[in-house]
Amino acid sequence: MRKRIRKWIIDRAPIWAKASLQAENARLEAEIAELRAELARKDAYIQGLQYAVRALRKITINTAGEKA
């Protein structure tokens, strides 16, 4: 349904509006690609931190001999 409405709007729009819509769509697609790349970098960073935290030695403190 959306495709039909979108096609109807684009077909009935004046040429300058079509060009404007196409330019806006291209700009938004570029922005989406940039944001996806940023998200992938941040996900890789988070995975690296998680790996590093898991690799840390666990410290256990034995307090069985002390009495409060």
N, C-alpha and C. Protein backbone atom coordinates (compact mmCIF):
# COMPACT_ATOMS: atom_id res chain seq x y z
N MET A 1 0.82 -1.19 0.00
CA MET A 1 0.00 0.00 0.00
C MET A 1 0.87 1.26 0.00
N ARG A 2 1.91 1.23 0.82
CA ARG A 2 2.80 2.40 0.88
C ARG A 2 3.47 2.68 -0.45
N LYS A 3 3.87 1.59 -1.11
CA LYS A 3 4.54 1.77 -2.40
C LYS A 3 3.61 2.43 -3.41
N ARG A 4 2.34 2.02 -3.39
CA ARG A 4 1.38 2.62 -4.33
C ARG A 4 1.17 4.10 -4.01
N ILE A 5 1.04 4.43 -2.72
CA ILE A 5 0.86 5.83 -2.34
C ILE A 5 2.09 6.64 -2.72
N ARG A 6 3.27 6.08 -2.40
CA ARG A 6 4.52 6.78 -2.73
C ARG A 6 4.64 7.00 -4.24
N LYS A 7 4.33 5.95 -5.00
CA LYS A 7 4.41 6.06 -6.47
C LYS A 7 3.40 7.11 -6.97
N TRP A 8 2.21 7.12 -6.39
CA TRP A 8 1.20 8.10 -6.80
C TRP A 8 1.68 9.52 -6.51
N ILE A 9 2.25 9.73 -5.34
CA ILE A 9 2.75 11.07 -4.98
C ILE A 9 3.87 11.48 -5.92
N ILE A 10 4.80 10.57 -6.17
CA ILE A 10 5.93 10.90 -7.04
C ILE A 10 5.48 11.15 -8.47
N ASP A 11 4.53 10.36 -8.95
CA ASP A 11 4.05 10.54 -10.32
C ASP A 11 3.30 11.86 -10.49
N ARG A 12 2.60 12.30 -9.48
CA ARG A 12 1.80 13.52 -9.58
C ARG A 12 2.58 14.78 -9.18
N ALA A 13 3.75 14.60 -8.60
CA ALA A 13 4.53 15.75 -8.15
C ALA A 13 5.19 16.46 -9.34
N PRO A 14 5.40 17.76 -9.21
CA PRO A 14 6.12 18.47 -10.27
C PRO A 14 7.58 18.01 -10.33
N ILE A 15 8.23 18.34 -11.43
CA ILE A 15 9.61 17.89 -11.64
C ILE A 15 10.54 18.40 -10.55
N TRP A 16 10.38 19.65 -10.14
CA TRP A 16 11.28 20.19 -9.10
C TRP A 16 11.07 19.46 -7.78
N ALA A 17 9.84 19.01 -7.52
CA ALA A 17 9.58 18.27 -6.28
C ALA A 17 10.20 16.88 -6.36
N LYS A 18 10.16 16.25 -7.53
CA LYS A 18 10.78 14.94 -7.70
C LYS A 18 12.27 15.02 -7.46
N ALA A 19 12.88 16.05 -8.04
CA ALA A 19 14.32 16.23 -7.87
C ALA A 19 14.66 16.47 -6.40
N SER A 20 13.82 17.24 -5.74
CA SER A 20 14.03 17.52 -4.32
C SER A 20 13.90 16.24 -3.50
N LEU A 21 12.87 15.43 -3.80
CA LEU A 21 12.69 14.17 -3.08
C LEU A 21 13.85 13.22 -3.32
N GLN A 22 14.31 13.14 -4.56
CA GLN A 22 15.42 12.25 -4.87
C GLN A 22 16.70 12.70 -4.18
N ALA A 23 16.93 14.00 -4.13
CA ALA A 23 18.12 14.51 -3.45
C ALA A 23 18.04 14.23 -1.95
N GLU A 24 16.87 14.45 -1.39
CA GLU A 24 16.68 14.19 0.04
C GLU A 24 16.85 12.71 0.34
N ASN A 25 16.31 11.84 -0.50
CA ASN A 25 16.47 10.39 -0.31
C ASN A 25 17.94 9.99 -0.39
N ALA A 26 18.67 10.54 -1.33
CA ALA A 26 20.09 10.21 -1.46
C ALA A 26 20.86 10.66 -0.22
N ARG A 27 20.53 11.86 0.28
CA ARG A 27 21.20 12.38 1.48
C ARG A 27 20.90 11.49 2.68
N LEU A 28 19.64 11.09 2.81
CA LEU A 28 19.25 10.25 3.94
C LEU A 28 19.87 8.86 3.85
N GLU A 29 19.97 8.30 2.65
CA GLU A 29 20.62 7.00 2.48
C GLU A 29 22.09 7.07 2.86
N ALA A 30 22.75 8.17 2.51
CA ALA A 30 24.15 8.34 2.89
C ALA A 30 24.28 8.46 4.40
N GLU A 31 23.37 9.18 5.02
CA GLU A 31 23.39 9.34 6.48
C GLU A 31 23.15 7.99 7.17
N ILE A 32 22.23 7.20 6.63
CA ILE A 32 21.96 5.88 7.19
C ILE A 32 23.20 5.00 7.09
N ALA A 33 23.87 5.03 5.95
CA ALA A 33 25.08 4.22 5.77
C ALA A 33 26.15 4.65 6.77
N GLU A 34 26.29 5.95 6.97
CA GLU A 34 27.28 6.46 7.92
C GLU A 34 26.94 6.01 9.35
N LEU A 35 25.68 6.08 9.71
CA LEU A 35 25.26 5.68 11.05
C LEU A 35 25.42 4.18 11.26
N ARG A 36 25.17 3.40 10.22
CA ARG A 36 25.38 1.95 10.34
C ARG A 36 26.85 1.62 10.53
N ALA A 37 27.72 2.34 9.83
CA ALA A 37 29.16 2.12 9.99
C ALA A 37 29.59 2.50 11.41
N GLU A 38 29.06 3.60 11.92
CA GLU A 38 29.38 4.02 13.29
C GLU A 38 28.89 2.98 14.29
N LEU A 39 27.70 2.46 14.08
CA LEU A 39 27.15 1.44 14.96
C LEU A 39 28.03 0.19 14.94
N ALA A 40 28.50 -0.20 13.78
CA ALA A 40 29.35 -1.38 13.67
C ALA A 40 30.66 -1.16 14.43
N ARG A 41 31.26 0.04 14.32
CA ARG A 41 32.49 0.35 15.05
C ARG A 41 32.25 0.30 16.56
N LYS A 42 31.13 0.85 17.00
CA LYS A 42 30.83 0.86 18.44
C LYS A 42 30.55 -0.55 18.94
N ASP A 43 29.87 -1.36 18.14
CA ASP A 43 29.63 -2.75 18.53
C ASP A 43 30.95 -3.50 18.67
N ALA A 44 31.87 -3.28 17.75
CA ALA A 44 33.18 -3.93 17.82
C ALA A 44 33.93 -3.47 19.08
N TYR A 45 33.84 -2.20 19.40
CA TYR A 45 34.48 -1.66 20.61
C TYR A 45 33.88 -2.31 21.86
N ILE A 46 32.57 -2.42 21.91
CA ILE A 46 31.89 -3.03 23.05
C ILE A 46 32.29 -4.49 23.19
N GLN A 47 32.34 -5.21 22.08
CA GLN A 47 32.74 -6.61 22.14
C GLN A 47 34.17 -6.76 22.63
N GLY A 48 35.04 -5.84 22.23
CA GLY A 48 36.42 -5.86 22.71
C GLY A 48 36.50 -5.63 24.21
N LEU A 49 35.71 -4.68 24.70
CA LEU A 49 35.68 -4.43 26.14
C LEU A 49 35.15 -5.64 26.91
N GLN A 50 34.10 -6.24 26.39
CA GLN A 50 33.54 -7.42 27.05
C GLN A 50 34.56 -8.55 27.09
N TYR A 51 35.29 -8.73 26.01
CA TYR A 51 36.32 -9.77 25.97
C TYR A 51 37.41 -9.48 26.99
N ALA A 52 37.82 -8.21 27.08
CA ALA A 52 38.87 -7.83 28.02
C ALA A 52 38.42 -8.02 29.46
N VAL A 53 37.18 -7.68 29.76
CA VAL A 53 36.67 -7.85 31.12
C VAL A 53 36.60 -9.32 31.48
N ARG A 54 36.19 -10.16 30.56
CA ARG A 54 36.13 -11.60 30.83
C ARG A 54 37.51 -12.20 31.02
N ALA A 55 38.51 -11.62 30.35
CA ALA A 55 39.86 -12.17 30.41
C ALA A 55 40.60 -11.75 31.68
N LEU A 56 40.08 -10.77 32.41
CA LEU A 56 40.73 -10.33 33.64
C LEU A 56 40.74 -11.47 34.66
N ARG A 57 41.79 -11.49 35.45
CA ARG A 57 41.86 -12.51 36.50
C ARG A 57 40.84 -12.19 37.58
N LYS A 58 40.22 -13.21 38.05
CA LYS A 58 39.24 -13.03 39.12
C LYS A 58 39.98 -12.98 40.45
N ILE A 59 39.66 -12.04 41.29
CA ILE A 59 40.30 -11.89 42.58
C ILE A 59 39.31 -12.34 43.65
N THR A 60 39.73 -13.28 44.44
CA THR A 60 38.88 -13.72 45.55
C THR A 60 39.60 -13.38 46.85
N ILE A 61 38.86 -12.85 47.76
CA ILE A 61 39.43 -12.47 49.05
C ILE A 61 38.93 -13.46 50.09
N ASN A 62 39.86 -14.09 50.74
CA ASN A 62 39.51 -15.09 51.75
C ASN A 62 39.44 -14.40 53.10
N THR A 63 38.27 -14.31 53.66
CA THR A 63 38.09 -13.68 54.97
C THR A 63 37.62 -14.69 56.00
N ALA A 64 37.83 -15.96 55.74
CA ALA A 64 37.35 -17.00 56.65
C ALA A 64 38.07 -16.95 58.00
N GLY A 65 39.32 -16.51 58.03
CA GLY A 65 40.10 -16.51 59.27
C GLY A 65 39.79 -15.32 60.16
N GLU A 66 39.20 -14.29 59.66
CA GLU A 66 38.93 -13.07 60.45
C GLU A 66 37.57 -13.16 61.10
N LYS A 67 37.49 -12.58 62.31
CA LYS A 67 36.19 -12.48 62.97
C LYS A 67 35.92 -11.02 63.25
N ALA A 68 34.74 -10.59 62.94
CA ALA A 68 34.40 -9.19 63.13
C ALA A 68 34.10 -8.85 64.55
